[in-house]
Amino acid sequence: MEEKRKTRTSSAVKRRYNQKAYKSITVQVKPELAERIQGYKEQQGISMSELLSRAMDALEAQ
């Protein structure tokens, strides 16, 4: 019986996929706001993406 070879996805392949599937948003905020954001994310156990999604949902509900 032939043993199945383990393969790994190269970093270049992952990078190309991420470039197609995701957009990057970079912002600069004051340290106080950054601390508030980080604290909220940790308290809720969510990612930045989830935080932004919730914020957009709340804004659109207004």
N, C-alpha and C. Protein backbone atom coordinates (compact mmCIF):
# COMPACT_ATOMS: atom_id res chain seq x y z
N MET A 1 0.84 -1.18 0.00
CA MET A 1 0.00 0.00 0.00
C MET A 1 0.89 1.24 0.00
N GLU A 2 0.62 2.13 -0.89
CA GLU A 2 1.42 3.34 -1.03
C GLU A 2 0.96 4.39 -0.02
N GLU A 3 1.92 4.99 0.68
CA GLU A 3 1.60 6.02 1.67
C GLU A 3 1.29 7.33 0.97
N LYS A 4 0.21 7.98 1.40
CA LYS A 4 -0.19 9.25 0.79
C LYS A 4 0.78 10.35 1.21
N ARG A 5 1.25 11.09 0.23
CA ARG A 5 2.20 12.16 0.48
C ARG A 5 1.49 13.38 1.06
N LYS A 6 2.06 13.94 2.13
CA LYS A 6 1.49 15.15 2.71
C LYS A 6 1.97 16.34 1.89
N THR A 7 1.03 17.23 1.61
CA THR A 7 1.40 18.41 0.83
C THR A 7 1.10 19.66 1.65
N ARG A 8 1.71 20.73 1.28
CA ARG A 8 1.49 22.02 1.92
C ARG A 8 1.23 23.06 0.85
N THR A 9 0.35 23.97 1.18
CA THR A 9 0.06 25.06 0.26
C THR A 9 1.15 26.11 0.45
N SER A 10 1.76 26.52 -0.64
CA SER A 10 2.84 27.48 -0.54
C SER A 10 2.32 28.85 -0.13
N SER A 11 3.18 29.66 0.44
CA SER A 11 2.81 31.01 0.84
C SER A 11 2.38 31.84 -0.36
N ALA A 12 3.02 31.62 -1.50
CA ALA A 12 2.67 32.37 -2.71
C ALA A 12 1.25 32.06 -3.15
N VAL A 13 0.85 30.79 -3.06
CA VAL A 13 -0.51 30.40 -3.45
C VAL A 13 -1.51 31.02 -2.48
N LYS A 14 -1.22 30.98 -1.19
CA LYS A 14 -2.10 31.58 -0.18
C LYS A 14 -2.24 33.08 -0.41
N ARG A 15 -1.13 33.73 -0.71
CA ARG A 15 -1.15 35.17 -0.95
C ARG A 15 -2.02 35.52 -2.16
N ARG A 16 -1.85 34.77 -3.24
CA ARG A 16 -2.66 35.01 -4.44
C ARG A 16 -4.14 34.83 -4.15
N TYR A 17 -4.48 33.78 -3.40
CA TYR A 17 -5.88 33.55 -3.04
C TYR A 17 -6.42 34.72 -2.21
N ASN A 18 -5.66 35.14 -1.20
CA ASN A 18 -6.10 36.23 -0.34
C ASN A 18 -6.28 37.53 -1.12
N GLN A 19 -5.43 37.78 -2.09
CA GLN A 19 -5.56 38.98 -2.91
C GLN A 19 -6.84 38.95 -3.74
N LYS A 20 -7.27 37.77 -4.18
CA LYS A 20 -8.50 37.65 -4.96
C LYS A 20 -9.74 37.69 -4.07
N ALA A 21 -9.66 37.08 -2.89
CA ALA A 21 -10.84 36.88 -2.05
C ALA A 21 -11.10 38.00 -1.05
N TYR A 22 -10.10 38.81 -0.74
CA TYR A 22 -10.23 39.81 0.30
C TYR A 22 -9.72 41.17 -0.15
N LYS A 23 -10.22 42.21 0.48
CA LYS A 23 -9.70 43.57 0.30
C LYS A 23 -9.09 44.00 1.63
N SER A 24 -8.07 44.81 1.57
CA SER A 24 -7.41 45.30 2.76
C SER A 24 -7.78 46.77 2.98
N ILE A 25 -8.11 47.09 4.22
CA ILE A 25 -8.43 48.47 4.59
C ILE A 25 -7.48 48.87 5.71
N THR A 26 -6.78 49.96 5.52
CA THR A 26 -5.85 50.45 6.52
C THR A 26 -6.33 51.81 7.04
N VAL A 27 -6.38 51.95 8.35
CA VAL A 27 -6.79 53.22 8.95
C VAL A 27 -5.80 53.61 10.02
N GLN A 28 -5.75 54.90 10.28
CA GLN A 28 -4.95 55.41 11.38
C GLN A 28 -5.89 56.10 12.35
N VAL A 29 -5.80 55.71 13.62
CA VAL A 29 -6.65 56.30 14.65
C VAL A 29 -5.79 56.73 15.82
N LYS A 30 -6.35 57.61 16.64
CA LYS A 30 -5.64 58.05 17.83
C LYS A 30 -5.49 56.88 18.79
N PRO A 31 -4.44 56.90 19.59
CA PRO A 31 -4.17 55.77 20.51
C PRO A 31 -5.35 55.45 21.42
N GLU A 32 -6.08 56.47 21.87
CA GLU A 32 -7.20 56.23 22.77
C GLU A 32 -8.29 55.39 22.07
N LEU A 33 -8.57 55.72 20.82
CA LEU A 33 -9.57 54.96 20.07
C LEU A 33 -9.08 53.55 19.79
N ALA A 34 -7.81 53.43 19.46
CA ALA A 34 -7.24 52.10 19.20
C ALA A 34 -7.37 51.22 20.44
N GLU A 35 -7.16 51.78 21.62
CA GLU A 35 -7.29 51.02 22.86
C GLU A 35 -8.75 50.62 23.09
N ARG A 36 -9.68 51.52 22.80
CA ARG A 36 -11.10 51.19 22.94
C ARG A 36 -11.49 50.05 22.01
N ILE A 37 -11.02 50.14 20.77
CA ILE A 37 -11.34 49.10 19.78
C ILE A 37 -10.76 47.76 20.22
N GLN A 38 -9.49 47.76 20.60
CA GLN A 38 -8.83 46.52 21.02
C GLN A 38 -9.52 45.93 22.25
N GLY A 39 -9.87 46.79 23.20
CA GLY A 39 -10.56 46.32 24.40
C GLY A 39 -11.90 45.68 24.08
N TYR A 40 -12.66 46.31 23.18
CA TYR A 40 -13.96 45.78 22.80
C TYR A 40 -13.81 44.43 22.10
N LYS A 41 -12.85 44.35 21.19
CA LYS A 41 -12.62 43.10 20.47
C LYS A 41 -12.28 41.97 21.44
N GLU A 42 -11.42 42.25 22.40
CA GLU A 42 -11.01 41.23 23.37
C GLU A 42 -12.18 40.84 24.27
N GLN A 43 -12.95 41.83 24.72
CA GLN A 43 -14.09 41.58 25.59
C GLN A 43 -15.13 40.70 24.89
N GLN A 44 -15.38 40.98 23.62
CA GLN A 44 -16.37 40.25 22.85
C GLN A 44 -15.81 38.97 22.22
N GLY A 45 -14.49 38.86 22.16
CA GLY A 45 -13.86 37.70 21.53
C GLY A 45 -14.11 37.64 20.04
N ILE A 46 -14.00 38.81 19.38
CA ILE A 46 -14.28 38.89 17.94
C ILE A 46 -13.06 39.44 17.20
N SER A 47 -13.08 39.27 15.89
CA SER A 47 -12.01 39.79 15.04
C SER A 47 -12.34 41.21 14.61
N MET A 48 -11.38 41.87 14.01
CA MET A 48 -11.62 43.22 13.47
C MET A 48 -12.68 43.17 12.38
N SER A 49 -12.66 42.13 11.58
CA SER A 49 -13.65 41.98 10.52
C SER A 49 -15.06 41.89 11.11
N GLU A 50 -15.22 41.12 12.16
CA GLU A 50 -16.52 40.99 12.81
C GLU A 50 -16.95 42.32 13.43
N LEU A 51 -16.03 43.03 14.05
CA LEU A 51 -16.34 44.33 14.65
C LEU A 51 -16.84 45.29 13.57
N LEU A 52 -16.16 45.35 12.44
CA LEU A 52 -16.57 46.24 11.36
C LEU A 52 -17.91 45.82 10.77
N SER A 53 -18.14 44.53 10.67
CA SER A 53 -19.41 44.04 10.16
C SER A 53 -20.56 44.46 11.07
N ARG A 54 -20.36 44.31 12.38
CA ARG A 54 -21.39 44.71 13.35
C ARG A 54 -21.63 46.22 13.30
N ALA A 55 -20.55 46.98 13.17
CA ALA A 55 -20.69 48.44 13.11
C ALA A 55 -21.47 48.85 11.87
N MET A 56 -21.18 48.24 10.74
CA MET A 56 -21.90 48.55 9.50
C MET A 56 -23.37 48.16 9.62
N ASP A 57 -23.65 47.02 10.20
CA ASP A 57 -25.04 46.59 10.40
C ASP A 57 -25.79 47.60 11.26
N ALA A 58 -25.15 48.08 12.33
CA ALA A 58 -25.78 49.06 13.22
C ALA A 58 -26.02 50.38 12.50
N LEU A 59 -25.08 50.81 11.69
CA LEU A 59 -25.23 52.06 10.95
C LEU A 59 -26.34 51.96 9.91
N GLU A 60 -26.43 50.83 9.24
CA GLU A 60 -27.44 50.65 8.21
C GLU A 60 -28.84 50.50 8.82
N ALA A 61 -28.91 50.09 10.07
CA ALA A 61 -30.20 49.90 10.73
C ALA A 61 -30.79 51.25 11.19
N GLN A 62 -30.00 52.29 11.18
CA GLN A 62 -30.46 53.61 11.64
C GLN A 62 -31.41 54.23 10.65
